[in-house]
Protein backbone atom coordinates (compact mmCIF):
# COMPACT_ATOMS: atom_id res chain seq x y z
CA UNK A 1 6.80 3.30 7.41
CA UNK A 2 5.03 -0.06 7.20
CA UNK A 3 1.90 1.44 8.70
CA UNK A 4 1.43 3.26 5.40
CA UNK A 5 1.07 0.01 3.47
CA UNK A 6 -2.63 -0.75 3.48
CA UNK A 7 -4.45 -3.87 2.29
CA UNK A 8 -5.42 -3.38 -1.35
CA UNK A 9 -7.34 -6.56 -2.16
CA UNK A 10 -11.11 -6.95 -2.31
CA UNK A 11 -12.20 -3.34 -2.11
CA UNK A 12 -14.87 -1.50 -4.01
CA UNK A 13 -13.74 0.39 -5.98
CA UNK A 14 -10.60 -1.70 -6.65
CA UNK A 15 -7.16 -0.37 -5.76
CA UNK A 16 -5.91 2.28 -8.15
CA UNK A 17 -2.52 2.22 -9.86
CA UNK A 18 -1.54 5.13 -7.63
CA UNK A 19 -2.33 3.12 -4.49
CA UNK A 20 -0.31 0.19 -5.82
CA UNK A 21 2.59 2.49 -6.64
CA UNK A 22 2.48 4.06 -3.17
CA UNK A 23 2.52 0.61 -1.53
CA UNK A 24 5.45 -0.46 -3.71
CA UNK A 25 7.33 2.74 -2.89
CA UNK A 26 6.82 2.26 0.85
CA UNK A 27 7.96 -1.36 0.59
CA UNK A 28 11.15 -0.45 -1.27
CA UNK A 29 11.83 2.42 1.16
CA UNK A 30 11.49 0.03 4.08
CA UNK A 31 13.73 -2.73 2.78
CA UNK A 32 16.35 -0.38 1.30
CA UNK A 33 16.50 1.91 4.32
CA UNK A 34 16.24 4.94 2.02
CA UNK A 35 13.50 7.50 2.15
CA UNK A 36 15.17 9.21 -0.81
CA UNK A 37 18.04 7.33 -2.46
CA UNK A 38 21.38 8.89 -3.31
CA UNK A 39 22.10 9.76 -6.95
CA UNK A 40 24.25 6.63 -7.19
CA UNK A 41 21.34 4.42 -6.10
CA UNK A 42 18.45 6.34 -7.65
CA UNK A 43 18.09 4.21 -10.81
CA UNK A 44 18.15 0.92 -8.90
CA UNK A 45 15.68 2.29 -6.34
CA UNK A 46 13.16 3.43 -8.97
CA UNK A 47 13.56 0.20 -10.95
CA UNK A 48 12.79 -1.78 -7.79
CA UNK A 49 9.66 0.31 -7.17
CA UNK A 50 8.48 -0.39 -10.74
CA UNK A 51 9.20 -4.12 -10.38
CA UNK A 52 7.35 -4.38 -7.07
CA UNK A 53 4.42 -2.42 -8.48
CA UNK A 54 4.17 -4.86 -11.42
CA UNK A 55 4.14 -7.79 -9.02
CA UNK A 56 1.46 -6.12 -6.87
CA UNK A 57 -0.74 -5.58 -9.95
CA UNK A 58 -0.22 -9.21 -11.00
CA UNK A 59 -0.97 -10.49 -7.50
CA UNK A 60 -4.16 -8.45 -7.08
CA UNK A 61 -5.38 -9.51 -10.54
CA UNK A 62 -4.84 -13.18 -9.76
CA UNK A 63 -6.38 -13.31 -6.27
CA UNK A 64 -9.91 -14.62 -5.90
CA UNK A 65 -12.35 -14.55 -3.01
CA UNK A 66 -15.95 -15.40 -2.34
CA UNK A 67 -16.19 -12.61 0.27
CA UNK A 68 -18.07 -9.50 -0.76
CA UNK A 69 -15.89 -6.45 -1.53
CA UNK A 70 -15.20 -4.13 1.38
CA UNK A 71 -16.37 -0.55 1.24
CA UNK A 72 -13.44 1.87 1.48
CA UNK A 73 -15.39 4.47 3.44
CA UNK A 74 -16.62 1.96 6.02
CA UNK A 75 -13.12 0.51 6.45
CA UNK A 76 -11.67 4.03 6.82
CA UNK A 77 -14.26 4.82 9.50
CA UNK A 78 -13.36 1.61 11.36
CA UNK A 79 -9.67 2.53 11.18
CA UNK A 80 -10.38 6.02 12.46
CA UNK A 81 -12.37 4.62 15.39
CA UNK A 82 -9.58 2.15 16.28
CA UNK A 83 -7.07 4.99 16.18
CA UNK A 84 -9.26 7.12 18.39
CA UNK A 85 -9.50 4.29 20.94
CA UNK A 86 -5.76 3.65 20.75
CA UNK A 87 -4.45 7.21 20.78
CA UNK A 88 -7.37 9.23 22.17
CA UNK A 89 -8.66 12.45 20.67
CA UNK A 90 -6.54 15.53 20.13
């Protein structure tokens, strides 16, 4: 599951709320051990996702760097090439 959490800082365009939500969801899934919580734990699970998402937004808004923003397409191409080298082609 952790492989699905991608770096979100210093990209052009900036990370969307959806990307932040997805990262928060993956984080809560990982630490809770639930992919889908039971009815008894559903409210706590979703509240945790919302809380983590708020913290992610706050963190990304407060970070500063002098490095130029990374291009999402270039970074995706690099990732694809690394995967190809690691796993081969299908």
